[in-house]
Amino acid sequence: MPFKTFGAGDVLTAGDVNDYLMEQAVITCTSGTRPSSPGEGMTIYETDTDRIYTYDGTTWRVVVRLGAWVAYTPTVSPASGSFVIGNGTLLARYTLLGQAVCFKMKLTFGSTTTIGSGSSYSFGLPPVTRDTTVDDVFPAILIDSSASTVGYRSSSAFSFTTNDFGIILHEGSTGQFVGPTAPWTWANGDIIRVSGTYQAA
């Protein structure tokens, strides 16, 4: 509804309160107590999620998430076999800014990490479904900590589906996916780092 200018002596009706005051104010609620019949443009702040939402006429859209980045545990799926982190570490964080999802991930292989087998790994995105209209590409760095071959490889991660991504090496005419033994056999101290931004569905 449009903005209304009240004049001196105007009677404030129940409709005015419900429409102009309630719907055009930022309402404090929880994710379970959102207004049941929101008007387009209504804005709320959820105390249990620390998120500000605006109703676009069809659904609630995140405007911003306040506070610290949220930790999540990405899946790591080899083409065959299984991946078990063991004494390695898998750290990931994400945050929301409107429909943009920003994330970062660091996988450090340990001496007891089970790397799986096959030609590729897929890695889980944050628990916010990705819009698949256009594929997304994220920068990635691979670190080989072996004493004889210590070095870095620049590569690109790109989206597979709505919730995961793979990493492909820059070199080669056909492209090579990062997998349990590519570009080297992953071992204790090796690191994969990825960060990026994608559009939420």
Protein backbone atom coordinates (compact mmCIF):
# COMPACT_ATOMS: atom_id res chain seq x y z
CA MET A 1 0.00 0.00 0.00
CA PRO A 2 1.21 3.60 -0.52
CA PHE A 3 2.67 5.83 2.16
CA LYS A 4 0.00 7.82 3.99
CA THR A 5 0.46 11.27 5.46
CA PHE A 6 -1.75 11.84 8.52
CA GLY A 7 -3.05 15.32 9.24
CA ALA A 8 -3.87 17.03 12.51
CA GLY A 9 -7.16 15.72 13.88
CA ASP A 10 -7.31 12.65 11.62
CA VAL A 11 -8.96 9.62 13.20
CA LEU A 12 -6.59 6.66 13.41
CA THR A 13 -8.71 3.67 12.41
CA ALA A 14 -8.02 -0.02 12.96
CA GLY A 15 -7.36 -0.31 9.21
CA ASP A 16 -4.78 2.48 9.39
CA VAL A 17 -2.98 0.74 12.24
CA ASN A 18 -3.00 -2.65 10.51
CA ASP A 19 -2.05 -1.36 7.07
CA TYR A 20 0.06 1.77 7.39
CA LEU A 21 1.60 1.29 10.82
CA MET A 22 1.97 -2.47 11.21
CA GLU A 23 2.83 -3.40 7.63
CA GLN A 24 5.25 -0.53 7.11
CA ALA A 25 7.19 -1.10 10.32
CA VAL A 26 9.94 -3.65 10.93
CA ILE A 27 8.18 -6.36 12.92
CA THR A 28 10.06 -8.43 15.48
CA CYS A 29 9.09 -12.11 15.47
CA THR A 30 10.57 -15.59 15.16
CA SER A 31 10.74 -17.93 12.16
CA GLY A 32 7.69 -19.70 13.60
CA THR A 33 5.61 -16.60 14.27
CA ARG A 34 5.90 -14.66 11.00
CA PRO A 35 2.76 -12.66 10.03
CA SER A 36 0.34 -15.08 8.37
CA SER A 37 -1.03 -12.66 5.76
CA PRO A 38 1.83 -10.32 4.88
CA GLY A 39 1.51 -7.47 2.43
CA GLU A 40 4.09 -6.89 -0.28
CA GLY A 41 6.97 -4.90 1.19
CA MET A 42 6.38 -6.00 4.80
CA THR A 43 9.70 -6.33 6.63
CA ILE A 44 10.44 -8.50 9.66
CA TYR A 45 13.37 -9.26 11.92
CA GLU A 46 13.59 -12.87 13.18
CA THR A 47 15.15 -13.09 16.62
CA ASP A 48 15.95 -16.82 16.33
CA THR A 49 17.77 -16.57 12.97
CA ASP A 50 19.11 -12.98 13.19
CA ARG A 51 17.78 -12.38 9.67
CA ILE A 52 15.85 -9.48 8.16
CA TYR A 53 13.23 -10.55 5.59
CA THR A 54 11.01 -8.62 3.19
CA TYR A 55 7.88 -10.10 1.60
CA ASP A 56 7.95 -9.70 -2.20
CA GLY A 57 4.30 -10.54 -2.74
CA THR A 58 4.96 -14.25 -3.09
CA THR A 59 7.58 -15.31 -0.56
CA TRP A 60 9.82 -13.99 2.22
CA ARG A 61 13.22 -12.90 0.88
CA VAL A 62 16.33 -12.56 3.04
CA VAL A 63 17.62 -8.99 3.05
CA VAL A 64 20.58 -9.58 5.36
CA ARG A 65 21.79 -11.97 8.03
CA LEU A 66 23.25 -10.21 11.06
CA GLY A 67 25.99 -11.37 13.35
CA ALA A 68 28.84 -13.83 12.83
CA TRP A 69 29.27 -16.12 9.84
CA VAL A 70 27.61 -19.50 10.34
CA ALA A 71 29.63 -22.71 10.46
CA TYR A 72 28.57 -25.65 8.30
CA THR A 73 30.12 -29.02 7.44
CA PRO A 74 30.42 -29.59 3.69
CA THR A 75 30.04 -33.08 2.29
CA VAL A 76 33.11 -34.45 0.50
CA SER A 77 32.12 -37.17 -1.97
CA PRO A 78 34.64 -39.07 -4.10
CA ALA A 79 33.45 -40.61 -7.37
CA SER A 80 33.75 -44.00 -5.69
CA GLY A 81 34.62 -45.30 -2.26
CA SER A 82 34.17 -43.08 0.76
CA PHE A 83 35.79 -40.03 2.31
CA VAL A 84 36.44 -39.96 6.07
CA ILE A 85 38.10 -36.89 7.55
CA GLY A 86 39.87 -38.83 10.33
CA ASN A 87 42.36 -36.55 12.08
CA GLY A 88 42.19 -33.96 9.32
CA THR A 89 40.08 -30.81 9.56
CA LEU A 90 37.21 -29.51 7.47
CA LEU A 91 36.22 -25.93 8.25
CA ALA A 92 33.56 -23.90 6.46
CA ARG A 93 31.54 -20.73 7.07
CA TYR A 94 28.81 -18.85 5.20
CA THR A 95 26.71 -15.73 5.46
CA LEU A 96 23.80 -14.18 3.56
CA LEU A 97 23.55 -10.72 2.05
CA GLY A 98 20.19 -10.46 0.37
CA GLN A 99 20.08 -13.27 -2.21
CA ALA A 100 23.89 -13.57 -2.21
CA VAL A 101 25.39 -16.50 -0.31
CA CYS A 102 29.07 -16.00 0.56
CA PHE A 103 31.08 -19.01 1.73
CA LYS A 104 34.63 -20.22 2.40
CA MET A 105 35.98 -23.72 2.98
CA LYS A 106 39.32 -25.16 4.08
CA LEU A 107 40.01 -28.90 3.95
CA THR A 108 43.24 -30.10 5.55
CA PHE A 109 44.04 -33.78 5.06
CA GLY A 110 45.31 -35.72 8.07
CA SER A 111 47.42 -38.84 8.41
CA THR A 112 44.28 -40.95 8.98
CA THR A 113 42.06 -39.28 6.36
CA THR A 114 40.44 -41.81 4.01
CA ILE A 115 40.53 -40.13 0.59
CA GLY A 116 38.29 -42.51 -1.38
CA SER A 117 38.88 -43.31 -5.05
CA GLY A 118 37.70 -42.40 -8.52
CA SER A 119 38.28 -39.45 -10.81
CA SER A 120 36.70 -36.56 -8.88
CA TYR A 121 35.45 -35.05 -5.65
CA SER A 122 32.22 -33.14 -5.16
CA PHE A 123 31.93 -30.73 -2.24
CA GLY A 124 28.77 -29.56 -0.51
CA LEU A 125 27.67 -25.93 -0.64
CA PRO A 126 26.11 -24.17 2.38
CA PRO A 127 22.56 -25.25 3.32
CA VAL A 128 21.04 -22.53 1.10
CA THR A 129 19.81 -23.84 -2.27
CA ARG A 130 21.65 -22.34 -5.26
CA ASP A 131 19.82 -20.72 -8.16
CA THR A 132 20.79 -22.77 -11.24
CA THR A 133 19.89 -20.23 -13.92
CA VAL A 134 23.60 -19.54 -14.50
CA ASP A 135 26.54 -21.69 -13.39
CA ASP A 136 28.80 -20.24 -10.71
CA VAL A 137 32.61 -20.32 -10.62
CA PHE A 138 34.67 -20.04 -7.42
CA PRO A 139 38.46 -19.58 -7.00
CA ALA A 140 40.30 -22.52 -5.44
CA ILE A 141 43.84 -23.12 -4.22
CA LEU A 142 45.43 -26.57 -3.83
CA ILE A 143 48.46 -26.99 -1.57
CA ASP A 144 50.83 -29.98 -1.72
CA SER A 145 52.81 -30.12 1.53
CA SER A 146 55.08 -33.03 0.58
CA ALA A 147 58.73 -32.16 1.15
CA SER A 148 59.77 -33.11 -2.39
CA THR A 149 56.90 -31.44 -4.26
CA VAL A 150 55.69 -28.66 -1.99
CA GLY A 151 53.77 -26.10 -4.02
CA TYR A 152 50.51 -24.45 -4.95
CA ARG A 153 48.07 -25.05 -7.80
CA SER A 154 45.48 -22.51 -8.83
CA SER A 155 42.23 -24.01 -9.99
CA SER A 156 38.54 -23.21 -10.37
CA ALA A 157 35.56 -24.64 -8.58
CA PHE A 158 32.23 -24.62 -10.35
CA SER A 159 28.71 -25.59 -9.47
CA PHE A 160 27.42 -29.08 -10.23
CA THR A 161 23.87 -28.92 -8.87
CA THR A 162 21.84 -26.80 -6.47
CA ASN A 163 23.95 -27.91 -3.51
CA ASP A 164 27.45 -29.03 -4.55
CA PHE A 165 30.48 -28.12 -6.66
CA GLY A 166 33.59 -29.68 -8.19
CA ILE A 167 37.09 -28.36 -8.82
CA ILE A 168 38.82 -28.46 -12.20
CA LEU A 169 42.50 -27.78 -12.89
CA HIS A 170 43.38 -24.96 -15.26
CA GLU A 171 45.94 -26.98 -17.20
CA GLY A 172 45.04 -29.44 -19.95
CA SER A 173 42.89 -29.28 -23.05
CA THR A 174 40.18 -31.53 -21.65
CA GLY A 175 40.36 -30.34 -18.08
CA GLN A 176 41.02 -32.57 -15.11
CA PHE A 177 38.86 -32.76 -12.03
CA VAL A 178 40.41 -32.68 -8.59
CA GLY A 179 39.95 -36.13 -7.10
CA PRO A 180 41.54 -38.52 -4.61
CA THR A 181 44.68 -38.90 -6.77
CA ALA A 182 44.53 -35.72 -8.88
CA PRO A 183 46.51 -33.56 -9.27
CA TRP A 184 48.38 -35.70 -6.72
CA THR A 185 47.46 -38.32 -4.15
CA TRP A 186 46.20 -36.32 -1.19
CA ALA A 187 48.20 -36.90 1.99
CA ASN A 188 48.82 -35.55 5.47
CA GLY A 189 49.07 -31.76 5.54
CA ASP A 190 47.73 -31.13 2.02
CA ILE A 191 45.09 -28.41 1.78
CA ILE A 192 42.15 -27.44 -0.44
CA ARG A 193 40.79 -23.90 -0.08
CA VAL A 194 37.70 -22.55 -1.85
CA SER A 195 35.70 -19.36 -1.43
CA GLY A 196 32.93 -17.83 -3.45
CA THR A 197 29.50 -16.25 -3.81
CA TYR A 198 26.35 -17.57 -5.45
CA GLN A 199 22.70 -16.57 -5.84
CA ALA A 200 20.17 -18.25 -3.57
CA ALA A 201 17.15 -19.83 -5.23
